[in-house]
């Protein structure tokens, strides 16, 4: 069977599943305050929630001269379908849909590429384990190895375009938000459970058009799960992960409303070099857009240069993409068009020069973000 025919069959099955099993949040648990996180168990899947993702991004340098620097993103998504009772399930039972995106930015050569996958999760072809740290779609996978998940092993793509990386956390997970939830909108349950490991030592290989590049660097990991986060008037978000050279890390997101205003439930977290962290409300930071970039493929008009200010911390940072076009148009999986890419950072921290690297995720610019798939 040709790859094109496989894709057509997969899309037919996806459409049939969405008709037969509507993605109703009412069948699932919602994110409420008071959750006590436990690791490594909370790295595992949470099928009681409708939506879940495991996200990795990083900045890598070649171990060899003249091979350059790279950014990468690997994300696995799980979306729950209408639940069946355990005694109703069979090996053919489809409880979830699985998606994965892999993107590599060749910062030196100013090139960006991505791949995507989708699976129904039946017959073991894809899944996310509730008993161990393993998420997979066929031969793409994230897997925890060693005592207390000492290493995160990422494998995706193939010999022409792919990654094989081993990540070792440099610190403990950081819980975002307050009282165990990251609130995304007004109302009970419009929230997620969300944590990050903001620095992971990274080693491994990239595969690019026949080249095998040995690399090392630093990665960032997010894991988020919930069931009904956004409201109908929220059309997208701007999310940033920032790793500064002096050891401070920052996660910031702002949610945009249909009328152009920033939702007051936007927030962030600053992580200090000693591992302590502090919640930031939307009133404690400001993001100004300095430039924009318009996609010829989607006509999305994306921010492409920012100033991020956190006055209470004396932080004034300029973020610039390493490559302007880092847009993903995921017609073969989640059917969402978004910009996700590496950025360079320079500015001042408490009046002292500082710099670093980061990642930005921009949704809802090509068309309003949908709460469905």
Protein backbone atom coordinates (compact mmCIF):
# COMPACT_ATOMS: atom_id res chain seq x y z
CA UNK A 1 0.00 0.00 0.00
CA UNK A 2 1.42 3.39 -0.93
CA UNK A 3 2.10 6.02 1.71
CA UNK A 4 -0.43 8.37 0.04
CA UNK A 5 -3.13 5.71 0.15
CA UNK A 6 -2.36 5.08 3.83
CA UNK A 7 -2.84 8.79 4.53
CA UNK A 8 -6.19 8.88 2.72
CA UNK A 9 -7.42 5.86 4.68
CA UNK A 10 -6.20 7.42 7.94
CA UNK A 11 -8.11 10.65 7.26
CA UNK A 12 -11.26 8.71 6.38
CA UNK A 13 -10.99 6.79 9.65
CA UNK A 14 -10.31 10.00 11.59
CA UNK A 15 -13.44 11.63 10.16
CA UNK A 16 -15.51 8.55 10.97
CA UNK A 17 -14.19 8.50 14.53
CA UNK A 18 -15.02 12.14 15.10
CA UNK A 19 -18.59 11.52 13.93
CA UNK A 20 -19.10 8.37 15.97
CA UNK A 21 -17.21 9.48 19.08
CA UNK A 22 -17.69 13.24 19.64
CA UNK A 23 -14.91 14.82 21.70
CA UNK A 24 -17.15 15.88 24.58
CA UNK A 25 -15.35 17.19 27.66
CA UNK A 26 -18.26 15.96 29.79
CA UNK A 27 -16.92 12.39 29.63
CA UNK A 28 -13.66 13.45 31.27
CA UNK A 29 -12.27 14.81 34.50
CA UNK A 30 -11.54 18.55 34.67
CA UNK A 31 -8.55 20.29 36.20
CA UNK A 32 -9.48 21.62 39.64
CA UNK A 33 -7.34 23.16 42.39
CA UNK A 34 -5.61 21.03 44.97
CA UNK A 35 -3.82 18.45 42.85
CA UNK A 36 -0.70 17.06 44.52
CA UNK A 37 1.80 16.11 41.82
CA UNK A 38 3.86 12.96 42.24
CA UNK A 39 6.88 11.98 40.18
CA UNK A 40 7.74 9.98 38.22
CA UNK A 41 4.07 8.90 38.04
CA UNK A 42 2.85 12.24 36.67
CA UNK A 43 5.13 11.81 33.66
CA UNK A 44 2.79 8.95 32.68
CA UNK A 45 -0.51 9.25 30.81
CA UNK A 46 -3.68 10.66 32.39
CA UNK A 47 -6.53 9.16 30.32
CA UNK A 48 -9.14 10.57 32.70
CA UNK A 49 -8.47 13.96 31.03
CA UNK A 50 -9.48 14.64 27.43
CA UNK A 51 -6.35 16.38 26.18
CA UNK A 52 -2.72 15.76 27.05
CA UNK A 53 0.63 16.55 25.52
CA UNK A 54 4.31 15.92 26.13
CA UNK A 55 6.49 18.61 24.59
CA UNK A 56 10.25 18.90 24.14
CA UNK A 57 12.30 21.65 22.53
CA UNK A 58 15.98 22.41 22.64
CA UNK A 59 19.08 24.10 21.34
CA UNK A 60 21.86 21.87 20.06
CA UNK A 61 25.41 22.35 18.84
CA UNK A 62 27.37 20.01 16.61
CA UNK A 63 30.32 18.20 18.17
CA UNK A 64 32.14 18.65 14.88
CA UNK A 65 33.39 21.88 13.35
CA UNK A 66 31.32 23.68 10.71
CA UNK A 67 28.17 21.60 11.29
CA UNK A 68 26.33 24.45 12.97
CA UNK A 69 23.63 24.96 15.60
CA UNK A 70 20.10 23.62 15.65
CA UNK A 71 16.75 23.93 17.35
CA UNK A 72 14.30 21.05 17.61
CA UNK A 73 10.74 20.38 18.75
CA UNK A 74 9.11 17.01 19.41
CA UNK A 75 5.53 16.89 20.71
CA UNK A 76 3.17 13.97 21.28
CA UNK A 77 -0.55 14.70 21.70
CA UNK A 78 -3.28 12.46 23.11
CA UNK A 79 -6.95 13.34 22.56
CA UNK A 80 -9.56 11.21 24.29
CA UNK A 81 -12.69 9.91 22.58
CA UNK A 82 -15.96 9.07 24.28
CA UNK A 83 -15.13 6.54 26.98
CA UNK A 84 -16.22 2.92 27.09
CA UNK A 85 -16.44 0.84 30.25
CA UNK A 86 -13.50 -1.49 30.86
CA UNK A 87 -15.66 -4.57 30.33
CA UNK A 88 -16.68 -3.21 26.90
CA UNK A 89 -13.18 -2.79 25.55
CA UNK A 90 -11.43 -5.12 23.12
CA UNK A 91 -8.11 -5.07 21.33
CA UNK A 92 -9.92 -3.16 18.56
CA UNK A 93 -11.26 -0.56 20.99
CA UNK A 94 -10.24 3.02 20.20
CA UNK A 95 -10.10 5.17 23.31
CA UNK A 96 -7.74 7.92 22.10
CA UNK A 97 -6.27 9.55 19.03
CA UNK A 98 -2.52 10.17 18.97
CA UNK A 99 -0.56 12.79 17.06
CA UNK A 100 3.11 13.77 16.91
CA UNK A 101 5.06 16.69 15.44
CA UNK A 102 8.81 16.77 14.84
CA UNK A 103 10.52 19.97 13.68
CA UNK A 104 14.20 20.79 13.22
CA UNK A 105 15.59 24.28 12.67
CA UNK A 106 19.04 24.40 11.06
CA UNK A 107 19.97 27.81 12.45
CA UNK A 108 23.27 28.02 10.59
CA UNK A 109 21.78 27.26 7.16
CA UNK A 110 18.49 29.10 7.90
CA UNK A 111 16.40 26.05 7.10
CA UNK A 112 13.28 24.67 8.83
CA UNK A 113 11.51 21.36 8.24
CA UNK A 114 8.91 19.28 10.04
CA UNK A 115 7.15 15.93 9.94
CA UNK A 116 3.93 14.71 11.52
CA UNK A 117 2.17 11.49 12.45
CA UNK A 118 -1.30 10.36 13.47
CA UNK A 119 -2.68 7.10 14.82
CA UNK A 120 -5.91 5.66 16.26
CA UNK A 121 -3.96 3.81 18.92
CA UNK A 122 -5.60 0.41 18.35
CA UNK A 123 -3.72 -2.90 18.23
CA UNK A 124 -0.74 -1.31 19.96
CA UNK A 125 0.30 0.87 17.02
CA UNK A 126 0.30 3.93 19.31
CA UNK A 127 -0.28 4.68 22.95
CA UNK A 128 0.62 6.42 26.18
CA UNK A 129 1.21 4.20 29.17
CA UNK A 130 -0.44 4.77 32.56
CA UNK A 131 2.11 2.49 34.26
CA UNK A 132 5.41 3.71 32.82
CA UNK A 133 6.84 6.73 31.02
CA UNK A 134 6.34 5.69 27.42
CA UNK A 135 4.48 7.43 24.60
CA UNK A 136 4.71 6.18 21.03
CA UNK A 137 3.35 6.20 17.50
CA UNK A 138 4.85 3.27 15.63
CA UNK A 139 8.65 3.83 15.76
CA UNK A 140 8.44 7.40 17.11
CA UNK A 141 8.67 7.46 20.90
CA UNK A 142 9.41 9.17 24.20
CA UNK A 143 10.58 6.81 26.91
CA UNK A 144 11.86 7.21 30.45
CA UNK A 145 14.91 5.16 31.40
CA UNK A 146 16.68 4.39 34.63
CA UNK A 147 15.76 4.79 38.32
CA UNK A 148 13.30 7.67 38.92
CA UNK A 149 13.35 8.37 35.14
CA UNK A 150 16.97 9.42 35.05
CA UNK A 151 16.92 9.82 31.26
CA UNK A 152 14.31 10.83 28.69
CA UNK A 153 14.99 9.06 25.39
CA UNK A 154 13.51 10.67 22.24
CA UNK A 155 13.33 8.94 18.87
CA UNK A 156 11.46 10.28 15.85
CA UNK A 157 11.79 10.52 12.10
CA UNK A 158 14.21 8.46 10.05
CA UNK A 159 17.70 8.51 8.57
CA UNK A 160 16.85 11.38 6.23
CA UNK A 161 15.13 13.55 8.83
CA UNK A 162 15.05 12.60 12.48
CA UNK A 163 16.40 12.70 16.00
CA UNK A 164 17.82 10.26 18.52
CA UNK A 165 18.45 12.12 21.77
CA UNK A 166 19.07 11.29 25.43
CA UNK A 167 18.01 14.00 27.91
CA UNK A 168 19.06 14.15 31.56
CA UNK A 169 17.14 16.56 33.86
CA UNK A 170 19.30 19.16 35.61
CA UNK A 171 16.58 19.94 38.18
CA UNK A 172 13.20 18.97 39.54
CA UNK A 173 9.87 19.55 37.75
CA UNK A 174 8.36 23.02 38.23
CA UNK A 175 4.59 23.20 38.76
CA UNK A 176 3.00 26.15 36.94
CA UNK A 177 0.08 28.21 38.16
CA UNK A 178 -1.31 28.21 41.67
CA UNK A 179 -2.69 25.46 43.90
CA UNK A 180 -1.95 22.76 41.35
CA UNK A 181 -3.65 24.31 38.31
CA UNK A 182 -2.74 26.64 35.47
CA UNK A 183 -5.93 28.68 35.00
CA UNK A 184 -6.62 29.54 31.34
CA UNK A 185 -10.04 31.23 31.51
CA UNK A 186 -12.75 32.31 33.90
CA UNK A 187 -14.77 29.50 35.44
CA UNK A 188 -14.20 26.21 37.24
CA UNK A 189 -12.33 23.63 35.21
CA UNK A 190 -11.08 26.03 32.53
CA UNK A 191 -7.56 25.08 33.52
CA UNK A 192 -4.87 22.47 33.15
CA UNK A 193 -2.36 20.64 35.28
CA UNK A 194 0.96 21.82 33.89
CA UNK A 195 4.61 21.37 34.79
CA UNK A 196 8.00 21.77 33.14
CA UNK A 197 11.53 20.52 33.47
CA UNK A 198 13.25 23.65 32.26
CA UNK A 199 16.76 22.29 31.69
CA UNK A 200 17.79 18.86 30.49
CA UNK A 201 21.33 18.07 29.39
CA UNK A 202 21.02 16.68 25.87
CA UNK A 203 23.22 14.42 23.74
CA UNK A 204 22.59 12.41 20.61
CA UNK A 205 22.21 12.60 16.86
CA UNK A 206 20.28 14.54 14.23
CA UNK A 207 19.63 13.16 10.75
CA UNK A 208 19.29 15.73 7.96
CA UNK A 209 19.19 14.81 4.27
CA UNK A 210 21.69 12.02 4.64
CA UNK A 211 23.86 13.85 7.17
CA UNK A 212 24.30 12.38 10.63
CA UNK A 213 25.25 15.12 13.09
CA UNK A 214 26.40 14.34 16.63
CA UNK A 215 25.07 17.05 18.94
CA UNK A 216 24.90 18.23 22.52
CA UNK A 217 22.98 21.02 24.21
CA UNK A 218 20.09 21.88 26.49
CA UNK A 219 16.39 21.01 26.21
CA UNK A 220 13.09 22.03 27.81
CA UNK A 221 10.21 19.66 28.64
CA UNK A 222 6.49 20.46 29.17
CA UNK A 223 3.70 18.11 30.17
CA UNK A 224 0.14 19.41 30.33
CA UNK A 225 -3.25 17.74 30.74
CA UNK A 226 -6.83 19.00 31.11
CA UNK A 227 -10.28 18.74 29.55
CA UNK A 228 -11.82 22.13 28.83
CA UNK A 229 -9.23 24.87 29.01
CA UNK A 230 -10.27 27.65 26.61
CA UNK A 231 -13.45 29.69 26.26
CA UNK A 232 -15.12 30.44 22.90
CA UNK A 233 -13.84 34.04 22.80
CA UNK A 234 -10.20 32.96 23.20
CA UNK A 235 -8.68 32.58 19.72
CA UNK A 236 -5.03 31.75 20.34
CA UNK A 237 -1.98 32.15 22.50
CA UNK A 238 1.65 33.28 22.50
CA UNK A 239 3.87 31.02 24.63
CA UNK A 240 7.56 31.43 25.40
CA UNK A 241 10.20 29.31 27.09
CA UNK A 242 13.37 31.22 27.97
CA UNK A 243 16.73 29.88 29.18
CA UNK A 244 19.15 32.64 30.17
CA UNK A 245 22.88 32.05 30.32
CA UNK A 246 23.15 32.99 33.99
CA UNK A 247 20.80 30.13 34.90
CA UNK A 248 17.40 31.83 35.17
CA UNK A 249 14.51 30.27 33.22
CA UNK A 250 11.14 31.75 32.35
CA UNK A 251 7.82 30.41 31.02
CA UNK A 252 5.30 33.01 29.85
CA UNK A 253 2.02 32.70 27.96
CA UNK A 254 -0.57 35.25 26.97
CA UNK A 255 -3.98 34.20 25.67
CA UNK A 256 -5.58 36.43 23.05
CA UNK A 257 -9.29 37.19 22.91
CA UNK A 258 -11.36 37.64 19.79
CA UNK A 259 -11.55 41.43 20.38
CA UNK A 260 -7.74 41.69 20.42
CA UNK A 261 -7.32 42.07 24.16
CA UNK A 262 -5.01 39.90 26.27
CA UNK A 263 -6.91 37.66 28.65
CA UNK A 264 -6.21 38.45 32.34
CA UNK A 265 -5.71 34.72 32.98
CA UNK A 266 -2.44 34.85 31.05
CA UNK A 267 0.47 34.08 33.36
CA UNK A 268 3.99 32.79 33.75
CA UNK A 269 6.63 31.32 36.02
CA UNK A 270 10.18 32.43 36.71
CA UNK A 271 12.65 29.77 37.82
CA UNK A 272 15.75 31.01 39.62
CA UNK A 273 19.20 29.36 39.37
CA UNK A 274 18.77 27.72 42.80
CA UNK A 275 15.58 25.97 41.61
CA UNK A 276 13.12 28.17 43.48
CA UNK A 277 10.30 29.54 41.36
CA UNK A 278 7.66 32.28 41.44
CA UNK A 279 4.27 32.62 39.77
CA UNK A 280 3.76 35.69 37.57
CA UNK A 281 0.31 37.12 36.98
CA UNK A 282 -0.58 38.91 33.73
CA UNK A 283 -0.08 42.25 35.51
CA UNK A 284 3.56 41.46 36.26
CA UNK A 285 4.86 41.23 32.68
CA UNK A 286 4.33 42.88 29.32
CA UNK A 287 5.03 41.68 25.77
CA UNK A 288 5.32 44.20 22.93
CA UNK A 289 5.54 43.13 19.27
CA UNK A 290 8.22 45.00 17.27
CA UNK A 291 7.99 43.22 13.90
CA UNK A 292 5.74 40.79 12.04
CA UNK A 293 6.21 38.10 9.41
CA UNK A 294 3.52 36.98 6.97
CA UNK A 295 3.42 33.39 5.78
CA UNK A 296 3.07 32.87 2.03
CA UNK A 297 1.62 29.41 2.68
CA UNK A 298 -1.12 30.18 5.21
CA UNK A 299 -1.32 34.00 5.05
CA UNK A 300 -0.89 34.00 8.83
CA UNK A 301 0.58 37.30 10.06
CA UNK A 302 2.81 36.30 12.98
CA UNK A 303 4.76 38.39 15.48
CA UNK A 304 8.44 38.03 14.65
CA UNK A 305 10.31 40.15 17.19
CA UNK A 306 9.30 40.96 20.76
CA UNK A 307 10.28 42.89 23.86
CA UNK A 308 9.40 41.09 27.08
CA UNK A 309 9.48 43.11 30.28
CA UNK A 310 9.13 41.91 33.87
CA UNK A 311 9.54 45.20 35.81
CA UNK A 312 9.49 43.65 39.28
CA UNK A 313 12.51 41.53 38.37
CA UNK A 314 14.34 44.22 36.42
CA UNK A 315 14.06 42.12 33.26
CA UNK A 316 13.97 43.67 29.77
CA UNK A 317 14.51 41.12 26.99
CA UNK A 318 14.40 41.23 23.17
CA UNK A 319 13.48 37.96 21.44
CA UNK A 320 14.33 37.39 17.76
CA UNK A 321 13.62 34.20 15.72
CA UNK A 322 16.72 32.39 14.45
CA UNK A 323 14.74 31.67 11.25
CA UNK A 324 11.65 33.68 10.28
CA UNK A 325 9.72 30.81 8.73
CA UNK A 326 9.19 28.16 11.43
CA UNK A 327 5.54 27.55 10.65
CA UNK A 328 3.86 24.14 10.84
CA UNK A 329 0.74 23.47 8.74
CA UNK A 330 -0.35 20.13 10.15
CA UNK A 331 -2.94 18.94 7.63
CA UNK A 332 -1.91 15.32 8.18
CA UNK A 333 -2.43 15.24 11.95
CA UNK A 334 -3.89 17.87 14.30
CA UNK A 335 -5.02 20.14 11.44
CA UNK A 336 -3.72 23.19 13.30
CA UNK A 337 -1.48 25.83 11.68
CA UNK A 338 0.96 27.39 14.12
CA UNK A 339 4.42 28.92 14.41
CA UNK A 340 6.86 27.15 16.73
CA UNK A 341 10.51 28.01 16.62
CA UNK A 342 13.80 28.88 18.22
CA UNK A 343 14.58 32.44 19.27
CA UNK A 344 17.69 34.27 20.44
CA UNK A 345 17.46 36.52 23.47
CA UNK A 346 19.41 39.60 24.57
CA UNK A 347 18.68 42.29 27.12
CA UNK A 348 19.17 43.28 30.71
CA UNK A 349 18.45 41.51 33.99
CA UNK A 350 18.59 43.85 37.00
CA UNK A 351 20.55 46.35 34.87
CA UNK A 352 23.18 43.75 33.92
CA UNK A 353 23.53 42.46 30.34
CA UNK A 354 22.05 38.99 29.84
CA UNK A 355 21.38 36.71 26.91
CA UNK A 356 20.06 33.26 26.17
CA UNK A 357 17.94 31.07 23.94
CA UNK A 358 14.28 30.15 23.88
CA UNK A 359 11.29 28.82 21.99
CA UNK A 360 8.08 30.57 20.97
CA UNK A 361 4.71 29.03 20.09
CA UNK A 362 2.12 31.16 18.30
CA UNK A 363 -1.39 29.86 17.59
CA UNK A 364 -4.51 31.44 16.11
CA UNK A 365 -2.77 33.74 13.60
CA UNK A 366 -3.64 31.82 10.43
CA UNK A 367 -7.17 31.20 11.76
CA UNK A 368 -8.72 31.17 15.24
CA UNK A 369 -7.63 28.21 17.31
CA UNK A 370 -10.31 25.53 17.60
CA UNK A 371 -10.94 23.65 20.82
CA UNK A 372 -11.49 20.53 18.75
CA UNK A 373 -8.80 18.73 16.80
